[in-house]
Amino acid sequence: MSETIPIASDHAGVELKNRLVAELRKLGYNPDDMGSQDPNKPDDYPDFGRLVAKEVSDGEAKRGILLCGSGVGMDIVANRFSGVRAALAWAPEIGELSRKHNDSNVLVLPARFISDADALQTMKLWLDTKFEGGRHERRVEKIDSKDT
């Protein structure tokens, strides 16, 4: 059974999200497209960010992907959920490091500030990269700690 990846965007990220959904299918994943669907109808990114973040927070999905114009709004929304470590990645290396060093479980892409090629490469690296653990594990534990 293939891993289900919830993915969502606001209106600004619809076109790029659709390309990522198609690529996820090619890679053997089961994308769960949680919206938005219309790039010409303004909507509110928190409505879509919450859907993906809740799936990850509740353990219904191991990881998810979000997109909005700058990525900042979705990143803020997602990181309000317990256990979510959302990482805004504007280049492939940032996405990769977010997995290696931060064990990110939600990838956030800035649809208006990243090329399709870089977004696809970032997503692939993020999906394929494992958490290094070691000294980084201590740091991630501090992020999730209620004492911080």
Protein backbone atom coordinates (compact mmCIF):
# COMPACT_ATOMS: atom_id res chain seq x y z
CA MET A 1 0.00 0.00 0.00
CA SER A 2 1.36 3.42 -0.95
CA GLU A 3 1.71 6.26 1.52
CA THR A 4 -1.10 8.81 1.48
CA ILE A 5 0.16 12.39 1.37
CA PRO A 6 -2.43 15.08 2.14
CA ILE A 7 -1.75 18.18 0.07
CA ALA A 8 -3.52 21.53 -0.06
CA SER A 9 -3.11 25.09 -1.25
CA ASP A 10 -4.98 28.34 -1.37
CA HIS A 11 -5.89 29.92 -4.71
CA ALA A 12 -2.30 31.13 -5.24
CA GLY A 13 -0.90 27.61 -5.17
CA VAL A 14 -3.54 25.64 -7.09
CA GLU A 15 -1.64 25.29 -10.36
CA LEU A 16 1.61 24.20 -8.71
CA LYS A 17 -0.29 21.91 -6.33
CA ASN A 18 -1.88 20.17 -9.30
CA ARG A 19 1.57 19.53 -10.80
CA LEU A 20 2.80 18.14 -7.47
CA VAL A 21 -0.26 15.89 -7.17
CA ALA A 22 0.47 14.44 -10.62
CA GLU A 23 4.14 13.90 -9.68
CA LEU A 24 3.21 12.25 -6.39
CA ARG A 25 1.09 9.75 -8.34
CA LYS A 26 3.99 9.07 -10.74
CA LEU A 27 6.25 8.44 -7.74
CA GLY A 28 3.81 5.87 -6.33
CA TYR A 29 2.26 7.96 -3.57
CA ASN A 30 -1.46 8.42 -2.97
CA PRO A 31 -2.03 12.20 -2.90
CA ASP A 32 -5.10 13.35 -0.98
CA ASP A 33 -5.93 16.70 -2.62
CA MET A 34 -7.67 18.73 0.07
CA GLY A 35 -8.12 21.89 -2.03
CA SER A 36 -8.28 24.62 -3.15
CA GLN A 37 -9.40 23.89 -6.70
CA ASP A 38 -9.95 27.29 -8.35
CA PRO A 39 -6.96 29.61 -8.91
CA ASN A 40 -9.34 32.44 -9.87
CA LYS A 41 -11.47 32.37 -6.72
CA PRO A 42 -9.79 34.05 -3.74
CA ASP A 43 -10.02 31.98 -0.59
CA ASP A 44 -8.41 31.80 2.84
CA TYR A 45 -5.24 29.76 3.33
CA PRO A 46 -6.01 28.85 6.99
CA ASP A 47 -9.03 26.84 5.84
CA PHE A 48 -6.81 24.55 3.77
CA GLY A 49 -3.71 24.60 5.97
CA ARG A 50 -5.71 23.33 8.93
CA LEU A 51 -6.96 20.31 6.98
CA VAL A 52 -3.46 19.00 6.25
CA ALA A 53 -1.96 19.97 9.62
CA LYS A 54 -4.79 18.20 11.48
CA GLU A 55 -4.21 14.99 9.50
CA VAL A 56 -0.52 15.02 10.48
CA SER A 57 -1.15 16.12 14.06
CA ASP A 58 -3.77 13.40 14.59
CA GLY A 59 -1.48 10.74 13.11
CA GLU A 60 -3.81 10.05 10.19
CA ALA A 61 -0.93 10.93 7.84
CA LYS A 62 2.80 10.68 8.44
CA ARG A 63 3.50 13.87 6.47
CA GLY A 64 1.82 16.48 4.28
CA ILE A 65 2.43 19.29 1.80
CA LEU A 66 1.05 22.86 1.77
CA LEU A 67 1.35 25.74 -0.69
CA CYS A 68 0.33 29.39 -0.69
CA GLY A 69 1.68 32.53 -2.34
CA SER A 70 4.62 33.18 0.01
CA GLY A 71 4.37 29.99 2.05
CA VAL A 72 4.47 32.02 5.26
CA GLY A 73 0.76 31.85 6.04
CA MET A 74 0.53 28.10 5.61
CA ASP A 75 3.70 27.62 7.65
CA ILE A 76 2.27 29.63 10.55
CA VAL A 77 -1.05 27.77 10.44
CA ALA A 78 0.53 24.32 10.30
CA ASN A 79 2.99 24.95 13.12
CA ARG A 80 0.15 25.77 15.52
CA PHE A 81 -0.79 22.07 15.56
CA SER A 82 0.77 19.75 18.11
CA GLY A 83 3.46 17.50 16.67
CA VAL A 84 3.62 19.33 13.35
CA ARG A 85 7.03 20.53 12.24
CA ALA A 86 6.25 22.48 9.09
CA ALA A 87 9.18 23.80 7.07
CA LEU A 88 8.98 26.58 4.50
CA ALA A 89 11.37 25.58 1.71
CA TRP A 90 12.19 27.91 -1.18
CA ALA A 91 15.02 25.77 -2.57
CA PRO A 92 15.68 22.01 -2.77
CA GLU A 93 18.51 22.17 -0.24
CA ILE A 94 16.26 23.81 2.35
CA GLY A 95 13.66 21.05 2.00
CA GLU A 96 16.35 18.40 2.30
CA LEU A 97 17.90 19.99 5.40
CA SER A 98 14.48 20.37 7.00
CA ARG A 99 14.19 16.59 6.91
CA LYS A 100 17.80 15.79 7.88
CA HIS A 101 18.08 18.23 10.76
CA ASN A 102 14.52 19.11 11.82
CA ASP A 103 12.52 15.96 10.99
CA SER A 104 9.95 18.17 9.26
CA ASN A 105 6.66 16.42 8.59
CA VAL A 106 4.94 19.15 6.58
CA LEU A 107 6.60 20.71 3.56
CA VAL A 108 5.46 24.26 2.76
CA LEU A 109 6.24 25.73 -0.66
CA PRO A 110 5.96 29.40 -1.71
CA ALA A 111 4.05 29.05 -4.99
CA ARG A 112 4.78 32.59 -6.18
CA PHE A 113 8.49 32.43 -5.37
CA ILE A 114 9.66 29.00 -6.54
CA SER A 115 9.91 27.58 -10.04
CA ASP A 116 8.02 24.43 -10.93
CA ALA A 117 11.33 22.60 -11.41
CA ASP A 118 12.64 23.65 -7.99
CA ALA A 119 9.32 22.81 -6.33
CA LEU A 120 9.33 19.32 -7.83
CA GLN A 121 12.96 18.75 -6.88
CA THR A 122 12.35 20.09 -3.36
CA MET A 123 9.39 17.78 -2.89
CA LYS A 124 11.30 14.74 -4.17
CA LEU A 125 14.30 15.43 -1.91
CA TRP A 126 12.01 16.03 1.04
CA LEU A 127 10.16 12.77 0.44
CA ASP A 128 13.38 10.76 0.01
CA THR A 129 15.46 12.26 2.83
CA LYS A 130 15.60 10.58 6.22
CA PHE A 131 16.04 12.29 9.58
CA GLU A 132 19.67 12.06 10.69
CA GLY A 133 18.93 11.86 14.40
CA GLY A 134 22.03 12.16 16.58
CA ARG A 135 22.56 15.69 17.86
CA HIS A 136 19.50 16.80 15.88
CA GLU A 137 17.23 14.43 17.81
CA ARG A 138 17.88 16.33 21.04
CA ARG A 139 16.91 19.57 19.32
CA VAL A 140 13.72 18.19 17.82
CA GLU A 141 12.72 16.83 21.23
CA LYS A 142 13.08 20.37 22.60
CA ILE A 143 10.75 21.68 19.88
CA ASP A 144 8.05 19.19 20.84
CA SER A 145 8.59 19.61 24.60
CA LYS A 146 5.89 21.42 26.57
CA ASP A 147 8.68 23.01 28.63
CA THR A 148 10.01 25.20 25.80
